[in-house]
Protein backbone atom coordinates (compact mmCIF):
# COMPACT_ATOMS: atom_id res chain seq x y z
CA UNK A 1 96.61 184.22 65.61
CA UNK A 2 99.24 181.54 65.77
CA UNK A 3 98.52 177.97 66.81
CA UNK A 4 101.00 175.42 68.12
CA UNK A 5 100.00 171.88 68.99
CA UNK A 6 102.56 169.61 70.58
CA UNK A 7 101.62 166.42 72.37
CA UNK A 8 98.81 167.22 74.77
CA UNK A 9 99.27 170.97 74.67
CA UNK A 10 97.67 173.76 72.67
CA UNK A 11 99.23 177.22 72.50
CA UNK A 12 97.58 180.24 70.91
CA UNK A 13 99.44 183.53 70.43
CA UNK A 14 97.45 186.62 69.55
CA UNK A 15 98.66 189.96 68.20
CA UNK A 16 97.42 193.32 69.47
CA UNK A 17 94.54 193.64 66.99
CA UNK A 18 93.41 190.08 67.69
CA UNK A 19 93.38 190.67 71.46
CA UNK A 20 91.29 193.82 70.87
CA UNK A 21 88.92 191.94 68.54
CA UNK A 22 88.52 189.12 71.07
CA UNK A 23 87.75 191.62 73.84
CA UNK A 24 85.23 193.53 71.70
CA UNK A 25 83.65 190.90 69.41
CA UNK A 26 84.18 187.86 71.62
CA UNK A 27 85.79 185.71 68.92
CA UNK A 28 88.89 185.38 66.74
CA UNK A 29 89.01 182.67 64.06
CA UNK A 30 91.55 181.34 61.56
CA UNK A 31 91.49 178.53 59.01
CA UNK A 32 93.83 176.62 56.74
CA UNK A 33 92.68 175.13 53.43
CA UNK A 34 94.45 171.93 52.37
CA UNK A 35 92.82 171.23 49.01
CA UNK A 36 90.07 172.05 46.52
CA UNK A 37 87.32 170.16 48.34
CA UNK A 38 85.19 172.21 50.72
CA UNK A 39 85.92 169.53 53.34
CA UNK A 40 89.71 169.92 53.19
CA UNK A 41 90.23 172.56 55.84
CA UNK A 42 91.11 172.99 59.48
CA UNK A 43 89.72 175.90 61.50
CA UNK A 44 90.41 177.14 64.99
CA UNK A 45 88.86 179.82 67.14
CA UNK A 46 89.07 181.39 70.57
CA UNK A 47 85.83 182.64 72.10
CA UNK A 48 85.12 184.78 75.14
CA UNK A 49 82.09 183.20 76.75
CA UNK A 50 79.96 184.37 79.67
CA UNK A 51 78.51 180.83 79.90
CA UNK A 52 81.75 179.03 80.87
CA UNK A 53 83.58 179.20 84.19
CA UNK A 54 86.85 177.54 83.09
CA UNK A 55 88.99 177.45 79.95
CA UNK A 56 87.96 174.52 77.76
CA UNK A 57 88.40 173.16 74.26
CA UNK A 58 86.29 171.17 71.84
CA UNK A 59 87.07 169.60 68.49
CA UNK A 60 84.36 168.71 65.98
CA UNK A 61 83.85 169.00 62.21
CA UNK A 62 87.52 169.95 61.57
CA UNK A 63 87.22 172.87 64.02
CA UNK A 64 89.07 173.45 67.29
CA UNK A 65 87.34 175.91 69.61
CA UNK A 66 88.86 177.28 72.81
CA UNK A 67 86.32 178.87 75.16
CA UNK A 68 87.49 181.26 77.87
CA UNK A 69 85.37 182.95 80.54
CA UNK A 70 84.63 186.53 79.47
CA UNK A 71 86.01 187.91 82.75
CA UNK A 72 89.37 186.22 82.13
CA UNK A 73 89.54 187.71 78.63
CA UNK A 74 88.71 191.16 80.00
CA UNK A 75 91.43 190.94 82.69
CA UNK A 76 94.02 189.59 80.21
CA UNK A 77 93.25 192.13 77.48
CA UNK A 78 93.29 195.20 79.74
CA UNK A 79 96.38 194.49 81.85
CA UNK A 80 100.03 193.56 81.46
CA UNK A 81 99.12 189.89 82.04
CA UNK A 82 100.96 187.86 79.38
CA UNK A 83 98.95 184.68 79.29
CA UNK A 84 96.13 182.47 80.42
CA UNK A 85 97.02 178.90 81.36
CA UNK A 86 94.65 176.02 82.04
CA UNK A 87 94.55 172.24 82.12
CA UNK A 88 91.48 170.50 80.74
CA UNK A 89 90.83 167.12 82.30
CA UNK A 90 90.46 164.49 79.57
CA UNK A 91 90.56 161.25 81.49
CA UNK A 92 94.30 160.79 81.90
CA UNK A 93 96.59 162.14 84.58
CA UNK A 94 98.24 164.77 82.35
CA UNK A 95 95.20 166.43 80.84
CA UNK A 96 95.26 168.84 77.91
CA UNK A 97 97.36 171.94 78.60
CA UNK A 98 95.98 175.15 77.07
CA UNK A 99 98.06 178.32 76.91
CA UNK A 100 96.82 181.61 75.43
CA UNK A 101 99.45 184.35 75.13
CA UNK A 102 99.99 187.82 73.80
CA UNK A 103 102.37 187.59 70.82
CA UNK A 104 105.52 189.63 71.54
CA UNK A 105 108.12 190.89 69.07
CA UNK A 106 110.98 188.44 68.66
CA UNK A 107 114.39 189.56 69.84
CA UNK A 108 116.10 187.68 67.01
CA UNK A 109 113.23 186.32 64.91
CA UNK A 110 113.47 184.87 61.41
CA UNK A 111 113.98 187.45 58.65
CA UNK A 112 110.90 188.33 56.63
CA UNK A 113 108.35 187.41 59.31
CA UNK A 114 106.00 190.33 59.94
CA UNK A 115 105.77 191.50 63.53
CA UNK A 116 103.86 194.73 62.97
CA UNK A 117 100.91 193.52 65.10
CA UNK A 118 103.07 192.03 67.87
CA UNK A 119 103.16 193.49 71.35
CA UNK A 120 106.37 195.39 72.21
CA UNK A 121 108.76 192.93 73.84
CA UNK A 122 109.65 194.11 77.37
CA UNK A 123 112.85 192.04 77.23
CA UNK A 124 113.94 193.79 74.04
CA UNK A 125 114.11 197.14 75.83
CA UNK A 126 116.18 195.60 78.64
CA UNK A 127 118.48 193.85 76.14
CA UNK A 128 119.25 197.16 74.41
CA UNK A 129 120.16 199.07 77.60
CA UNK A 130 123.80 199.20 78.71
CA UNK A 131 124.65 197.02 81.71
CA UNK A 132 123.99 198.59 85.11
CA UNK A 133 121.15 200.73 83.71
CA UNK A 134 123.51 203.64 82.96
CA UNK A 135 123.18 205.54 79.73
CA UNK A 136 126.11 205.26 77.40
CA UNK A 137 127.74 208.62 76.68
CA UNK A 138 129.11 209.03 73.16
């Protein structure tokens, strides 16, 4: 699972196995250790929850948790739906934007980055077809 935080937005991208695990187990977690102390870490998780009715986030004890209604996770994981988007109201007019996406193969990604768990990119297939949809005869 990849995490991107920029300004007041959080973006999670999950590979195929992580989407399956979220749908079956209800949780996917990751962590980053910054030093030898047991307190020098940052963790983040996405949870499918039958108790919530909207996408929400919390941050406590060095841990970011995104909660998503179980029904939304089921719909997202079993269809071609690419992402789940929500805005959490935090007391200002912008709010906190939360985006959860399926991680697709890059068309021209950086060399050496593994994409074996990425979803097939639908744009990659279109980019490799000859213009006009006609097969090239060689």
